[in-house]
Structure formats: C-alpha cells, structure tokens
Amino acid sequence: MGRHRRSAATHRLAVFGHRQHPGVNVRKPLASTARCPHHRAMELDPDFCHRALASRDTRFDGRFFIAVRSTGIYCRPICPARTAKRENIAVYPSAAAAQEAGFRPCLRCRPEAAPDSGAWRGVANSGHSHTVARALALIEQGALDDGGMAGLVDKLGVGERQLRRLFAEHVGASPLTVAQTRRVLLAKQLIHETRLPLTDIAFAAGFGSVRRFNEVFQQLYRRAPGELRRDASACQNAPGEVSLLLRYRPPYDWPDMLAQLAAHVVPGLEAIQGDVYARVFCWRGVAGTLSVTPTRHPALLVTVRTRQWQALGDILARLRAMLDLAADPDCIERHLAQDPMLAERVAARPGLRLLGAWSVAESVWKHETAPSDRASWLNRHGCPLPSADPAFPSLSHAFPPSPNAENDMPRAAEPDECNPMPVPAHMDAWRPWRAYAQHYLD
C-alpha cells in the first residue's frame, strides 16, 4: 500500500513537470522549499490553520490550503468533509504549492472556487517582489502557454534560475506549477459552471492539446473531465456566450466601484446600465464584449461574448486586477479602524475597493486624453466590434492592445499609493493601506 501511494504521488508530480527528490516524502514540503527561511508557508501556523479548518471560518478561505497526508487531497479551510487529525495535515500558502507537493484538489470544496488570495501583494515592496508580481500577472495572461519559460524570463529580464528561487521564496511553487494549477482550476470551474464543450474548455484553460487536458485530469482527479460534469448545475448561455463567477471576500461595495467606473467610462468602449458594467475587449485582433453583474453571493457574475475562448484566462485576470477582487477587507478595515479619524467612516462604508485598469496603456490613455477626444480617437484607432451586442448597443470599439507587453498588462491599484494629504502624521500609521484610507476620506 505504501509503495502504491508513493508511486501515485510521484506520478502526480510528473504531471506538473517535477521529479520526486530522493529520500523526500512528497506529502511534505520539498526540501529545497522548506529550507528557505523566507518561504511564506513558514508563516502559517499549522495549529492555528487546523483550528480554522475545524471551525469552517470563511474569513480564511483562499488564504491557505490544507492538505491531508492520508488521502493525498488538499482542501479549502471551509471544506465540509470531516476534519482531519492535526498530525495528518500539511499547510500550504497556495493551491499551486499544494499541487507541487503532490496533492490533488478536493472535489467537495472545489479549490477553484476559493477567492483569490492576492498573497503576493503582501510581499514587501522590493525589486524582487515586483518581479514576482509581474511574473504572476503574465502567467495569468497565459505567458507560459505561448512562450514557455524562455519567453517569460525574457519579458521579465531575469534569469530562469533566479525566477525559480523568487517563486520558491514568495509563492511556494515554481512558475510551471503555478501555470499548470491555473489551467487545471480554470478548466474545473468551466466544467462545473458552464456548458462549453470539453474541447473548447481544454483550449480556453490553456492546455496545448485535448490529450494533455485529459491526461492531467485523469491523474489529478482520477477520472475523465466529462465525469466531473455529471452533477454540475451550470448556467445555460446563448451560443458564443459563457458566464462565470469571480469570487471575492465580502463585503464588497459594488455601488461604490460602479461609481468609480462611471467616473472614467468611455462611450463606445464601456457602458453602465443599472448595476451592470460592460465593455469591449480585443484579443488577438478579434473584439468581443463582457458584462459584470453583482449577485446574492460573494461573487460577481461575468458574462463573456466571444468565439475566442482562449481569451477567457486573460479576461478573468484583468477583471480581478481591475476590480480589486484580491483585497482582504477584514484585514484592511481592522487596521484602518484603529485610527479615530477613520473608524466611523470604515464602519459606515464597509467593503470599499480601489479601481485598477484593464491595461497600463489604457490607463495612461484615459489620463492623458481629454474626455471629449476619447470617442473620436477610439473610432479611428480602436478594434471594431464585428457585430453589435443587443444587450449593450452603445458598445462599438475595444481599446487596441499595446505591442509592448509591459504596457498591455492589467494594472491593479497600488494599496499604499496616495496623493499628498493634509494629515501627514496619520499617513505612516495607515501603511500599507494608505490608498484605501484616502478613499474612505474622499
């Protein structure tokens, strides 16, 4: 039995492109990772995490994942399964770290449905952490699906060995494992929440072939992708349309976010109808539309209308950054409420988020172009929509993608960036959330 388990775990590691280290039990952190004194997993107290698992505390959902050595499965802290014994668990800062250690995702709690932790945003502002942030953003956009590691390090301007070391330190998993985990979890979400054909799902998630897609799912879930769809309650969409949920940690003040979007909306590119935000996007020369709608759950419903399903990963990554979905309002508000100047404002307006940008280039264009000139510029230089969207007839053109990869990346709002304020004595106390503090004071 022990030999069989070690063999299965070794094979699972092979799916992610890693070999088992001699003499290392794959159900524990890899030796090279465990030795790193700054590894984020070292900050996680297993006893505390086990208590969080036992209480099913939703505040910790997505902040870490708990792996059970006896089953080879990793779960969210809110998993409804029977709580494993303390001595049988290992704690990981990300799904990618758990999968790199040889564990497979739980089918009950669905790790793909966890809110984005944005863990890398908590790393100290250094050149190295900035490199990791850029790398993760590029991976989310599918950089490793197209150009492999050589293309990624070329865009980042660092060596492959250095990038692997930085990922081990800040993420707990290699870039390749992060990319593979992203593919698997996006594919699992599409299987569960949509009726897209499995072939479309394979390519939408970034797999190079249907064969590879089937192989990875067989090894991770021990069943074919089609078998995971049998009990799924997926949305029924029109042809060329798909709807997905983007989870966040509540609360989320959607009316305030909508007001921030409305202040910068560009006619033809974006539209706001009631409580719905819509826009045009362009992916590899083909334009499509998307809309974002609030739901009764801690999630936004994103509906994408396109024939280019390979664009889904990139679209979702841009929306997460733009709408600040990785923010942890409990942590931010608890910190800012310690200041009497902010306490009442925080209590009165919980869940404020910061507006990011679809891309750096689009953000700069909006800042530098007069509002009265934007529509005409867009008509001349934008990517036209092939056919009108009946739900949003005013949409017509997408902002053209920048040929510069750095400028085409989505831009998440910087949580500690703020304008000069008349209360400098308070500003240091608000770190690292000064931008949120300023938004509460606006």
Protein backbone atom coordinates (compact mmCIF):
# COMPACT_ATOMS: atom_id res chain seq x y z
CA MET A 1 0.00 0.00 0.00
CA GLY A 2 2.80 2.42 0.95
CA ARG A 3 4.62 1.61 -2.30
CA HIS A 4 1.43 2.26 -4.28
CA ARG A 5 0.88 5.64 -2.60
CA ARG A 6 4.45 6.77 -3.21
CA SER A 7 4.17 5.72 -6.85
CA ALA A 8 0.89 7.61 -7.32
CA ALA A 9 2.29 10.71 -5.68
CA THR A 10 5.40 10.54 -7.83
CA HIS A 11 3.22 10.28 -10.92
CA ARG A 12 1.20 13.29 -9.82
CA LEU A 13 4.41 15.26 -9.53
CA ALA A 14 5.33 14.19 -13.04
CA VAL A 15 2.11 15.78 -14.30
CA PHE A 16 3.46 19.12 -13.09
CA GLY A 17 6.92 18.65 -14.51
CA HIS A 18 8.78 17.90 -11.26
CA ARG A 19 10.73 14.86 -10.11
CA GLN A 20 10.48 13.44 -6.65
CA HIS A 21 13.59 14.25 -4.64
CA PRO A 22 15.39 11.13 -3.41
CA GLY A 23 14.53 10.32 0.17
CA VAL A 24 11.85 13.01 0.36
CA ASN A 25 8.24 12.17 1.15
CA VAL A 26 6.22 14.09 -1.45
CA ARG A 27 3.39 14.61 1.01
CA LYS A 28 5.61 17.07 2.86
CA PRO A 29 7.09 20.32 1.52
CA LEU A 30 10.00 19.73 -0.82
CA ALA A 31 13.32 20.01 0.94
CA SER A 32 14.53 22.88 -1.23
CA THR A 33 11.41 24.84 -0.34
CA ALA A 34 11.39 24.00 3.34
CA ARG A 35 14.95 25.27 3.76
CA CYS A 36 14.07 28.74 2.54
CA PRO A 37 13.79 30.95 5.64
CA HIS A 38 11.50 33.46 3.92
CA HIS A 39 9.08 30.97 2.40
CA ARG A 40 5.53 32.16 3.01
CA ALA A 41 4.45 28.68 4.13
CA MET A 42 6.76 29.14 7.12
CA GLU A 43 4.49 31.99 8.27
CA LEU A 44 1.50 29.65 8.52
CA ASP A 45 0.93 28.12 11.95
CA PRO A 46 -0.41 24.57 11.38
CA ASP A 47 -2.17 24.53 14.77
CA PHE A 48 -3.97 27.78 14.02
CA CYS A 49 -4.85 26.62 10.49
CA HIS A 50 -6.22 23.34 11.85
CA ARG A 51 -8.48 25.25 14.24
CA ALA A 52 -9.67 27.41 11.32
CA LEU A 53 -10.45 24.23 9.38
CA ALA A 54 -12.39 22.76 12.33
CA SER A 55 -14.49 25.95 12.64
CA ARG A 56 -15.01 26.32 8.85
CA ASP A 57 -14.24 30.02 9.29
CA THR A 58 -14.95 31.72 5.93
CA ARG A 59 -12.52 34.55 6.73
CA PHE A 60 -9.63 32.22 5.93
CA ASP A 61 -10.99 30.91 2.64
CA GLY A 62 -8.31 31.25 -0.01
CA ARG A 63 -5.62 32.46 2.41
CA PHE A 64 -4.17 28.96 2.72
CA PHE A 65 -4.93 25.37 1.77
CA ILE A 66 -4.81 22.30 3.98
CA ALA A 67 -3.52 19.01 2.61
CA VAL A 68 -4.34 15.67 4.19
CA ARG A 69 -1.45 13.22 4.02
CA SER A 70 -3.61 10.11 4.45
CA THR A 71 -5.76 10.89 1.40
CA GLY A 72 -3.37 12.90 -0.80
CA ILE A 73 -6.02 15.64 -1.17
CA TYR A 74 -5.82 19.36 -0.41
CA CYS A 75 -8.82 21.44 0.66
CA ARG A 76 -10.03 24.93 1.40
CA PRO A 77 -10.36 25.83 5.13
CA ILE A 78 -14.16 25.72 4.71
CA CYS A 79 -14.29 22.15 3.35
CA PRO A 80 -17.41 20.33 4.65
CA ALA A 81 -15.58 16.99 4.86
CA ARG A 82 -14.78 15.53 8.26
CA THR A 83 -11.89 17.41 9.86
CA ALA A 84 -8.63 15.53 9.54
CA LYS A 85 -6.44 14.92 12.58
CA ARG A 86 -3.84 17.57 13.28
CA GLU A 87 -0.95 15.18 12.77
CA ASN A 88 -2.24 14.26 9.30
CA ILE A 89 -2.29 17.74 7.77
CA ALA A 90 0.19 19.99 5.98
CA VAL A 91 -0.48 23.68 5.26
CA TYR A 92 0.34 25.49 2.03
CA PRO A 93 0.02 29.17 1.07
CA SER A 94 -1.43 28.44 -2.37
CA ALA A 95 -3.10 25.74 -4.41
CA ALA A 96 -0.02 25.63 -6.62
CA ALA A 97 2.22 24.89 -3.62
CA ALA A 98 -0.06 22.04 -2.53
CA GLN A 99 -0.13 20.56 -6.03
CA GLU A 100 3.63 20.86 -6.40
CA ALA A 101 3.95 18.80 -3.20
CA GLY A 102 1.90 16.03 -4.85
CA PHE A 103 -1.62 16.63 -3.54
CA ARG A 104 -4.72 16.70 -5.71
CA PRO A 105 -7.71 19.12 -5.43
CA CYS A 106 -10.74 18.23 -3.34
CA LEU A 107 -13.94 17.60 -5.30
CA ARG A 108 -16.19 18.68 -2.42
CA CYS A 109 -14.86 22.13 -1.53
CA ARG A 110 -13.59 22.92 -5.07
CA PRO A 111 -10.33 24.92 -4.61
CA GLU A 112 -11.04 26.64 -7.94
CA ALA A 113 -13.98 28.39 -6.23
CA ALA A 114 -11.84 29.99 -3.50
CA PRO A 115 -11.43 33.76 -3.61
CA ASP A 116 -8.09 34.99 -4.91
CA SER A 117 -5.68 35.42 -2.02
CA GLY A 118 -3.52 38.05 -3.69
CA ALA A 119 -0.81 36.71 -1.38
CA TRP A 120 2.00 38.16 -3.49
CA ARG A 121 0.68 41.67 -2.82
CA GLY A 122 1.64 41.24 0.82
CA VAL A 123 5.32 40.83 -0.01
CA ALA A 124 7.50 43.80 0.92
CA ASN A 125 7.90 46.37 -1.82
CA SER A 126 11.21 45.33 -3.30
CA GLY A 127 12.57 44.79 -6.75
CA HIS A 128 12.30 41.03 -6.26
CA SER A 129 8.66 41.06 -5.17
CA HIS A 130 7.85 43.32 -8.12
CA THR A 131 9.37 40.71 -10.42
CA VAL A 132 7.18 38.01 -8.86
CA ALA A 133 4.08 40.20 -9.21
CA ARG A 134 4.82 40.85 -12.88
CA ALA A 135 5.53 37.17 -13.49
CA LEU A 136 2.26 36.11 -11.88
CA ALA A 137 0.34 38.65 -13.93
CA LEU A 138 1.97 37.38 -17.13
CA ILE A 139 1.26 33.76 -16.17
CA GLU A 140 -2.39 34.69 -15.54
CA GLN A 141 -2.45 36.08 -19.07
CA GLY A 142 -1.09 32.79 -20.43
CA ALA A 143 2.56 33.73 -20.95
CA LEU A 144 3.74 30.18 -20.26
CA ASP A 145 1.06 28.76 -22.57
CA ASP A 146 2.57 30.59 -25.52
CA GLY A 147 6.29 31.19 -24.99
CA GLY A 148 7.33 28.81 -22.20
CA MET A 149 9.88 29.72 -19.52
CA ALA A 150 12.29 31.23 -22.04
CA GLY A 151 9.67 33.72 -23.18
CA LEU A 152 8.65 34.57 -19.61
CA VAL A 153 12.15 35.30 -18.31
CA ASP A 154 12.89 37.30 -21.46
CA LYS A 155 9.90 39.57 -20.73
CA LEU A 156 10.95 39.90 -17.10
CA GLY A 157 14.64 40.47 -17.78
CA VAL A 158 15.80 37.95 -15.17
CA GLY A 159 17.43 34.53 -15.32
CA GLU A 160 15.38 31.35 -15.10
CA ARG A 161 17.24 30.15 -12.02
CA GLN A 162 16.65 33.46 -10.22
CA LEU A 163 12.94 33.41 -11.10
CA ARG A 164 12.55 29.88 -9.72
CA ARG A 165 14.25 30.96 -6.49
CA LEU A 166 11.99 34.01 -6.13
CA PHE A 167 8.90 31.88 -6.71
CA ALA A 168 10.03 29.36 -4.10
CA GLU A 169 10.51 32.23 -1.65
CA HIS A 170 7.33 34.23 -2.31
CA VAL A 171 4.83 31.78 -3.80
CA GLY A 172 5.88 28.35 -2.59
CA ALA A 173 5.76 26.78 -6.06
CA SER A 174 7.61 27.01 -9.36
CA PRO A 175 6.32 29.14 -12.27
CA LEU A 176 5.46 26.00 -14.23
CA THR A 177 3.40 24.62 -11.35
CA VAL A 178 1.60 27.95 -10.93
CA ALA A 179 0.72 27.93 -14.64
CA GLN A 180 -0.42 24.30 -14.58
CA THR A 181 -2.52 24.87 -11.46
CA ARG A 182 -4.09 27.89 -13.13
CA ARG A 183 -5.02 25.76 -16.15
CA VAL A 184 -6.47 22.95 -14.05
CA LEU A 185 -8.54 25.15 -11.75
CA LEU A 186 -9.88 27.30 -14.59
CA ALA A 187 -10.81 24.18 -16.55
CA LYS A 188 -12.51 22.70 -13.48
CA GLN A 189 -14.52 25.90 -13.00
CA LEU A 190 -15.57 25.89 -16.66
CA ILE A 191 -16.63 22.25 -16.39
CA HIS A 192 -18.67 22.94 -13.29
CA GLU A 193 -20.20 26.31 -14.16
CA THR A 194 -20.66 26.23 -17.95
CA ARG A 195 -21.90 24.01 -20.75
CA LEU A 196 -18.95 24.67 -23.02
CA PRO A 197 -17.80 21.59 -24.96
CA LEU A 198 -14.83 19.91 -23.30
CA THR A 199 -12.63 20.59 -26.32
CA ASP A 200 -13.29 24.33 -26.00
CA ILE A 201 -12.62 24.14 -22.26
CA ALA A 202 -9.24 22.49 -22.84
CA PHE A 203 -8.01 25.33 -25.05
CA ALA A 204 -9.76 28.06 -23.05
CA ALA A 205 -7.84 26.94 -19.94
CA GLY A 206 -4.53 27.00 -21.81
CA PHE A 207 -3.87 23.31 -22.46
CA GLY A 208 -1.88 22.65 -25.61
CA SER A 209 -3.97 19.65 -26.61
CA VAL A 210 -7.10 17.73 -25.61
CA ARG A 211 -4.92 14.71 -24.90
CA ARG A 212 -2.86 16.65 -22.36
CA PHE A 213 -6.07 18.04 -20.82
CA ASN A 214 -7.48 14.53 -20.37
CA GLU A 215 -4.21 13.17 -19.01
CA VAL A 216 -3.82 15.86 -16.34
CA PHE A 217 -7.42 15.48 -15.15
CA GLN A 218 -7.12 11.70 -15.04
CA GLN A 219 -4.04 11.97 -12.84
CA LEU A 220 -5.30 14.74 -10.56
CA TYR A 221 -8.96 13.78 -10.17
CA ARG A 222 -8.70 10.08 -11.07
CA ARG A 223 -11.49 10.44 -13.60
CA ALA A 224 -12.07 11.89 -17.04
CA PRO A 225 -13.12 15.57 -17.33
CA GLY A 226 -16.57 14.57 -18.60
CA GLU A 227 -17.31 12.62 -15.42
CA LEU A 228 -16.89 15.77 -13.33
CA ARG A 229 -19.74 17.44 -15.20
CA ARG A 230 -22.47 14.92 -14.38
CA ASP A 231 -23.71 16.67 -11.24
CA ALA A 232 -22.82 20.19 -12.30
CA SER A 233 -25.51 22.88 -12.18
CA ALA A 234 -24.17 25.03 -14.98
CA CYS A 235 -25.57 28.23 -16.46
CA GLN A 236 -27.39 27.90 -19.76
CA ASN A 237 -25.99 30.52 -22.12
CA ALA A 238 -26.67 31.51 -25.70
CA PRO A 239 -24.19 30.29 -28.36
CA GLY A 240 -20.96 32.26 -28.22
CA GLU A 241 -21.59 33.27 -24.61
CA VAL A 242 -20.33 31.96 -21.27
CA SER A 243 -20.95 33.04 -17.66
CA LEU A 244 -18.59 32.51 -14.73
CA LEU A 245 -18.43 33.60 -11.11
CA LEU A 246 -15.50 35.64 -9.84
CA ARG A 247 -15.32 35.18 -6.06
CA TYR A 248 -14.19 37.77 -3.53
CA ARG A 249 -14.02 38.17 0.24
CA PRO A 250 -17.09 40.06 1.44
CA PRO A 251 -18.07 42.75 1.92
CA TYR A 252 -17.74 44.38 -1.48
CA ASP A 253 -19.29 47.82 -2.07
CA TRP A 254 -20.32 47.30 -5.70
CA PRO A 255 -22.24 50.63 -5.95
CA ASP A 256 -19.05 52.48 -4.98
CA MET A 257 -16.99 50.51 -7.52
CA LEU A 258 -19.63 51.24 -10.15
CA ALA A 259 -19.37 54.95 -9.31
CA GLN A 260 -15.58 54.80 -9.76
CA LEU A 261 -16.05 53.08 -13.12
CA ALA A 262 -18.68 55.64 -14.18
CA ALA A 263 -16.27 58.49 -13.49
CA HIS A 264 -13.90 57.15 -16.16
CA VAL A 265 -16.28 55.44 -18.59
CA VAL A 266 -15.54 55.96 -22.30
CA PRO A 267 -18.59 55.84 -24.62
CA GLY A 268 -18.25 53.07 -27.18
CA LEU A 269 -15.66 51.24 -25.08
CA GLU A 270 -17.65 50.91 -21.86
CA ALA A 271 -21.24 51.16 -20.66
CA ILE A 272 -23.10 51.12 -17.37
CA GLN A 273 -26.74 50.03 -17.33
CA GLY A 274 -28.35 49.90 -13.90
CA ASP A 275 -25.97 47.90 -11.71
CA VAL A 276 -24.16 46.26 -14.65
CA TYR A 277 -20.77 47.24 -16.08
CA ALA A 278 -20.00 46.25 -19.67
CA ARG A 279 -17.07 46.79 -22.01
CA VAL A 280 -15.47 45.72 -25.28
CA PHE A 281 -12.18 43.81 -25.27
CA CYS A 282 -9.81 42.84 -28.05
CA TRP A 283 -7.86 39.57 -28.05
CA ARG A 284 -5.51 38.78 -30.91
CA GLY A 285 -7.29 41.18 -33.23
CA VAL A 286 -10.85 39.97 -32.53
CA ALA A 287 -13.20 42.07 -30.40
CA GLY A 288 -15.83 40.73 -28.00
CA THR A 289 -17.89 42.02 -25.09
CA LEU A 290 -18.26 41.24 -21.42
CA SER A 291 -20.55 42.32 -18.62
CA VAL A 292 -20.16 42.22 -14.83
CA THR A 293 -23.19 41.87 -12.57
CA PRO A 294 -23.45 41.63 -8.76
CA THR A 295 -25.04 38.51 -7.26
CA ARG A 296 -26.54 37.45 -3.93
CA HIS A 297 -23.35 35.53 -3.22
CA PRO A 298 -19.82 36.87 -2.54
CA ALA A 299 -19.11 36.77 -6.26
CA LEU A 300 -19.55 38.81 -9.41
CA LEU A 301 -21.16 37.18 -12.44
CA VAL A 302 -19.07 37.73 -15.56
CA THR A 303 -20.67 37.05 -18.93
CA VAL A 304 -18.30 36.93 -21.91
CA ARG A 305 -19.47 37.03 -25.51
CA THR A 306 -16.82 35.85 -27.93
CA ARG A 307 -15.76 32.99 -30.16
CA GLN A 308 -12.19 33.21 -28.89
CA TRP A 309 -12.46 31.05 -25.77
CA GLN A 310 -8.67 31.08 -25.39
CA ALA A 311 -9.11 34.69 -24.20
CA LEU A 312 -11.00 33.68 -21.03
CA GLY A 313 -7.98 33.33 -18.73
CA ASP A 314 -6.65 36.72 -19.78
CA ILE A 315 -10.07 38.37 -19.38
CA LEU A 316 -10.62 36.99 -15.88
CA ALA A 317 -7.11 38.03 -14.79
CA ARG A 318 -7.73 41.59 -16.00
CA LEU A 319 -11.07 41.81 -14.20
CA ARG A 320 -9.60 40.53 -10.93
CA ALA A 321 -6.95 43.25 -11.06
CA MET A 322 -9.24 45.99 -12.31
CA LEU A 323 -12.00 45.36 -9.73
CA ASP A 324 -9.66 44.69 -6.78
CA LEU A 325 -11.08 41.23 -6.15
CA ALA A 326 -8.00 40.02 -4.24
CA ALA A 327 -8.39 42.61 -1.46
CA ASP A 328 -8.94 41.41 2.10
CA PRO A 329 -11.45 43.92 3.55
CA ASP A 330 -11.37 42.38 7.04
CA CYS A 331 -7.62 42.94 7.32
CA ILE A 332 -7.71 46.41 5.74
CA GLU A 333 -10.63 47.73 7.74
CA ARG A 334 -9.41 46.29 11.05
CA HIS A 335 -6.12 48.11 10.53
CA LEU A 336 -7.59 51.45 9.44
CA ALA A 337 -10.30 51.44 12.14
CA GLN A 338 -7.58 51.82 14.78
CA ASP A 339 -7.34 55.47 13.73
CA PRO A 340 -10.18 57.54 15.28
CA MET A 341 -10.18 59.69 12.14
CA LEU A 342 -11.21 56.68 10.05
CA ALA A 343 -13.10 54.41 12.45
CA GLU A 344 -16.57 55.84 11.83
CA ARG A 345 -16.06 56.08 8.08
CA VAL A 346 -14.88 52.47 7.85
CA ALA A 347 -17.88 51.27 9.88
CA ALA A 348 -20.28 53.28 7.72
CA ARG A 349 -18.89 52.14 4.36
CA PRO A 350 -17.56 48.58 4.62
CA GLY A 351 -16.09 46.88 1.58
CA LEU A 352 -14.63 49.82 -0.37
CA ARG A 353 -12.26 48.71 -3.15
CA LEU A 354 -9.78 50.51 -5.38
CA LEU A 355 -10.29 50.72 -9.13
CA GLY A 356 -7.43 49.37 -11.21
CA ALA A 357 -7.16 49.36 -15.00
CA TRP A 358 -7.78 46.93 -17.85
CA SER A 359 -4.25 47.66 -19.03
CA VAL A 360 -1.46 50.09 -18.26
CA ALA A 361 -1.74 51.56 -21.75
CA GLU A 362 -5.49 52.15 -21.42
CA SER A 363 -4.99 53.80 -18.03
CA VAL A 364 -2.36 56.17 -19.42
CA TRP A 365 -4.57 56.96 -22.43
CA LYS A 366 -7.54 57.84 -20.21
CA HIS A 367 -5.33 60.04 -18.06
CA GLU A 368 -3.69 61.90 -20.93
CA THR A 369 -6.61 62.21 -23.37
CA ALA A 370 -9.35 64.77 -22.83
CA PRO A 371 -12.77 63.13 -22.29
CA SER A 372 -14.17 64.98 -25.30
CA ASP A 373 -11.49 63.46 -27.57
CA ARG A 374 -11.66 59.84 -26.43
CA ALA A 375 -14.61 58.68 -28.51
CA SER A 376 -13.21 60.04 -31.78
CA TRP A 377 -9.76 58.58 -31.05
CA LEU A 378 -11.35 55.22 -30.31
CA ASN A 379 -13.27 55.28 -33.61
CA ARG A 380 -10.04 55.90 -35.51
CA HIS A 381 -7.66 53.56 -33.68
CA GLY A 382 -9.82 51.09 -31.78
CA CYS A 383 -10.66 47.48 -32.62
CA PRO A 384 -14.23 47.46 -34.01
CA LEU A 385 -16.82 45.05 -32.69
CA PRO A 386 -17.78 42.62 -35.52
CA SER A 387 -21.48 42.84 -34.64
CA ALA A 388 -23.45 44.87 -32.13
CA ASP A 389 -24.22 43.37 -28.73
CA PRO A 390 -28.04 43.53 -28.35
CA ALA A 391 -27.75 43.86 -24.59
CA PHE A 392 -25.37 46.84 -24.87
CA PRO A 393 -25.95 48.51 -28.26
CA SER A 394 -23.76 51.54 -27.44
CA LEU A 395 -20.60 49.41 -27.37
CA SER A 396 -18.63 49.63 -30.60
CA HIS A 397 -14.80 49.53 -30.22
CA ALA A 398 -12.15 48.00 -27.99
CA PHE A 399 -9.02 49.78 -26.88
CA PRO A 400 -6.21 48.42 -29.10
CA PRO A 401 -3.73 46.08 -27.36
CA SER A 402 -0.30 47.61 -26.86
CA PRO A 403 2.60 45.98 -28.75
CA ASN A 404 4.64 46.45 -25.58
CA ALA A 405 3.93 43.51 -23.23
CA GLU A 406 4.59 45.62 -20.13
CA ASN A 407 2.08 48.27 -21.19
CA ASP A 408 -0.52 45.67 -22.13
CA MET A 409 -0.57 44.14 -18.63
CA PRO A 410 -3.54 44.78 -16.33
CA ARG A 411 -2.87 47.24 -13.53
CA ALA A 412 -4.13 46.53 -10.04
CA ALA A 413 -4.47 49.57 -7.82
CA GLU A 414 -1.47 50.07 -5.54
CA PRO A 415 -2.86 49.79 -1.97
CA ASP A 416 -0.24 52.08 -0.43
CA GLU A 417 -0.15 54.75 -3.15
CA CYS A 418 -1.80 58.05 -2.27
CA ASN A 419 -1.80 61.73 -3.13
CA PRO A 420 -0.33 64.33 -0.74
CA MET A 421 -2.72 64.77 2.15
CA PRO A 422 -3.09 67.41 4.89
CA VAL A 423 -2.65 64.80 7.65
CA PRO A 424 0.95 63.52 7.23
CA ALA A 425 1.07 62.44 10.89
CA HIS A 426 -1.56 59.81 10.15
CA MET A 427 -0.18 58.56 6.86
CA ASP A 428 2.55 56.31 8.24
CA ALA A 429 0.07 54.65 10.60
CA TRP A 430 -2.13 53.77 7.63
CA ARG A 431 0.60 51.80 5.83
CA PRO A 432 0.33 49.62 3.82
CA TRP A 433 -3.28 50.66 3.08
CA ARG A 434 -2.92 54.42 2.55
CA ALA A 435 -4.81 54.34 -0.76
CA TYR A 436 -7.81 52.75 0.96
CA ALA A 437 -7.60 55.32 3.77
CA GLN A 438 -7.67 58.13 1.25
CA HIS A 439 -10.69 56.57 -0.47
CA TYR A 440 -12.55 56.49 2.84
CA LEU A 441 -11.75 60.20 3.32
CA ASP A 442 -12.89 61.22 -0.20
